[in-house]
């Protein structure tokens, strides 16, 4: 049986793994969104596809580039925390 402390510690570590894995994508979406917003403010071009398509393309590229890092992070979390809890080791 898992104690309350183990549950909250596992939840904290899972949330941190989620933040770590999503940070590259969120950072790129923020930077591209700011750049496009600045471009739109400077040129007065208010086109909806101008905000959506470049941001989506940048997110897809960064996701593709960071898939290995995300997989390693998730596998390390499962091997280090979840599987030992299931096996009853910790």
C-alpha atoms as a PDB file:
ATOM      1  CA  UNK A   1       0.000   0.000   0.000  1.00  0.00           C
ATOM      2  CA  UNK A   2       1.313   3.422  -0.958  1.00  0.00           C
ATOM      3  CA  UNK A   3       1.554   5.990   1.797  1.00  0.00           C
ATOM      4  CA  UNK A   4       0.291   9.513   1.415  1.00  0.00           C
ATOM      5  CA  UNK A   5       3.842  10.855   1.346  1.00  0.00           C
ATOM      6  CA  UNK A   6       4.849   8.458  -1.433  1.00  0.00           C
ATOM      7  CA  UNK A   7       1.767   9.433  -3.423  1.00  0.00           C
ATOM      8  CA  UNK A   8       2.483  13.156  -3.217  1.00  0.00           C
ATOM      9  CA  UNK A   9       6.177  12.645  -3.925  1.00  0.00           C
ATOM     10  CA  UNK A  10       5.345  10.549  -7.004  1.00  0.00           C
ATOM     11  CA  UNK A  11       2.817  13.146  -8.133  1.00  0.00           C
ATOM     12  CA  UNK A  12       5.378  15.934  -7.683  1.00  0.00           C
ATOM     13  CA  UNK A  13       7.972  14.017  -9.685  1.00  0.00           C
ATOM     14  CA  UNK A  14       5.425  13.242 -12.421  1.00  0.00           C
ATOM     15  CA  UNK A  15       4.448  16.905 -12.694  1.00  0.00           C
ATOM     16  CA  UNK A  16       8.110  17.917 -12.849  1.00  0.00           C
ATOM     17  CA  UNK A  17       8.712  15.344 -15.615  1.00  0.00           C
ATOM     18  CA  UNK A  18       5.749  16.809 -17.517  1.00  0.00           C
ATOM     19  CA  UNK A  19       7.078  20.346 -17.137  1.00  0.00           C
ATOM     20  CA  UNK A  20      10.541  19.236 -18.225  1.00  0.00           C
ATOM     21  CA  UNK A  21       9.220  17.465 -21.306  1.00  0.00           C
ATOM     22  CA  UNK A  22       6.900  20.278 -22.386  1.00  0.00           C
ATOM     23  CA  UNK A  23       9.246  23.213 -21.762  1.00  0.00           C
ATOM     24  CA  UNK A  24      11.026  23.166 -25.170  1.00  0.00           C
ATOM     25  CA  UNK A  25       7.716  23.231 -27.049  1.00  0.00           C
ATOM     26  CA  UNK A  26       6.205  25.905 -24.826  1.00  0.00           C
ATOM     27  CA  UNK A  27       9.323  28.074 -25.058  1.00  0.00           C
ATOM     28  CA  UNK A  28       9.347  27.933 -28.855  1.00  0.00           C
ATOM     29  CA  UNK A  29       5.614  28.654 -29.032  1.00  0.00           C
ATOM     30  CA  UNK A  30       6.149  31.693 -26.796  1.00  0.00           C
ATOM     31  CA  UNK A  31       9.096  33.048 -28.788  1.00  0.00           C
ATOM     32  CA  UNK A  32       7.433  32.503 -32.173  1.00  0.00           C
ATOM     33  CA  UNK A  33       4.169  33.998 -30.905  1.00  0.00           C
ATOM     34  CA  UNK A  34       5.964  37.085 -29.614  1.00  0.00           C
ATOM     35  CA  UNK A  35       7.889  37.499 -32.860  1.00  0.00           C
ATOM     36  CA  UNK A  36       4.746  37.179 -34.960  1.00  0.00           C
ATOM     37  CA  UNK A  37       2.850  39.543 -32.673  1.00  0.00           C
ATOM     38  CA  UNK A  38       5.632  42.108 -32.987  1.00  0.00           C
ATOM     39  CA  UNK A  39       5.656  41.688 -36.764  1.00  0.00           C
ATOM     40  CA  UNK A  40       1.882  42.157 -36.908  1.00  0.00           C
ATOM     41  CA  UNK A  41       2.050  45.242 -34.692  1.00  0.00           C
ATOM     42  CA  UNK A  42       4.786  46.805 -36.800  1.00  0.00           C
ATOM     43  CA  UNK A  43       3.179  46.080 -40.164  1.00  0.00           C
ATOM     44  CA  UNK A  44      -0.538  46.268 -39.208  1.00  0.00           C
ATOM     45  CA  UNK A  45      -1.115  42.926 -40.923  1.00  0.00           C
ATOM     46  CA  UNK A  46      -3.913  41.134 -39.027  1.00  0.00           C
ATOM     47  CA  UNK A  47      -4.140  37.765 -40.719  1.00  0.00           C
ATOM     48  CA  UNK A  48      -5.193  34.766 -38.613  1.00  0.00           C
ATOM     49  CA  UNK A  49      -3.173  32.251 -40.613  1.00  0.00           C
ATOM     50  CA  UNK A  50      -0.067  34.363 -40.055  1.00  0.00           C
ATOM     51  CA  UNK A  51      -0.236  33.578 -36.338  1.00  0.00           C
ATOM     52  CA  UNK A  52      -1.306  29.952 -36.616  1.00  0.00           C
ATOM     53  CA  UNK A  53       0.782  28.396 -39.393  1.00  0.00           C
ATOM     54  CA  UNK A  54       4.300  29.531 -38.377  1.00  0.00           C
ATOM     55  CA  UNK A  55       3.650  28.711 -34.727  1.00  0.00           C
ATOM     56  CA  UNK A  56       2.345  25.259 -35.643  1.00  0.00           C
ATOM     57  CA  UNK A  57       5.325  24.636 -37.927  1.00  0.00           C
ATOM     58  CA  UNK A  58       7.788  25.678 -35.213  1.00  0.00           C
ATOM     59  CA  UNK A  59       6.063  23.476 -32.632  1.00  0.00           C
ATOM     60  CA  UNK A  60       6.138  20.463 -34.978  1.00  0.00           C
ATOM     61  CA  UNK A  61       9.842  20.981 -35.716  1.00  0.00           C
ATOM     62  CA  UNK A  62      10.759  21.329 -32.039  1.00  0.00           C
ATOM     63  CA  UNK A  63       8.603  18.342 -31.128  1.00  0.00           C
ATOM     64  CA  UNK A  64      10.352  16.255 -33.760  1.00  0.00           C
ATOM     65  CA  UNK A  65      13.771  17.425 -32.572  1.00  0.00           C
ATOM     66  CA  UNK A  66      13.044  16.829 -28.876  1.00  0.00           C
ATOM     67  CA  UNK A  67      11.225  13.486 -29.131  1.00  0.00           C
ATOM     68  CA  UNK A  68      14.344  11.595 -28.036  1.00  0.00           C
ATOM     69  CA  UNK A  69      14.760  13.813 -24.979  1.00  0.00           C
ATOM     70  CA  UNK A  70      11.084  13.447 -24.081  1.00  0.00           C
ATOM     71  CA  UNK A  71      11.227   9.678 -24.443  1.00  0.00           C
ATOM     72  CA  UNK A  72      14.370   9.430 -22.310  1.00  0.00           C
ATOM     73  CA  UNK A  73      12.786  11.585 -19.609  1.00  0.00           C
ATOM     74  CA  UNK A  74       9.586   9.555 -19.537  1.00  0.00           C
ATOM     75  CA  UNK A  75      11.386   6.197 -19.551  1.00  0.00           C
ATOM     76  CA  UNK A  76      13.714   7.352 -16.772  1.00  0.00           C
ATOM     77  CA  UNK A  77      10.726   8.454 -14.697  1.00  0.00           C
ATOM     78  CA  UNK A  78       8.939   5.149 -15.172  1.00  0.00           C
ATOM     79  CA  UNK A  79      12.048   3.033 -14.555  1.00  0.00           C
ATOM     80  CA  UNK A  80      13.143   5.066 -11.554  1.00  0.00           C
ATOM     81  CA  UNK A  81       9.826   5.758  -9.826  1.00  0.00           C
ATOM     82  CA  UNK A  82       6.733   3.992 -11.167  1.00  0.00           C
ATOM     83  CA  UNK A  83       8.039   0.461 -11.778  1.00  0.00           C
ATOM     84  CA  UNK A  84       9.670   0.214  -8.318  1.00  0.00           C
ATOM     85  CA  UNK A  85       6.371   1.336  -6.777  1.00  0.00           C
ATOM     86  CA  UNK A  86       4.484  -1.343  -8.710  1.00  0.00           C
ATOM     87  CA  UNK A  87       7.048  -3.997  -7.772  1.00  0.00           C
ATOM     88  CA  UNK A  88       6.961  -2.864  -4.148  1.00  0.00           C
ATOM     89  CA  UNK A  89      10.697  -2.194  -3.969  1.00  0.00           C
ATOM     90  CA  UNK A  90      10.512   1.294  -2.488  1.00  0.00           C
END
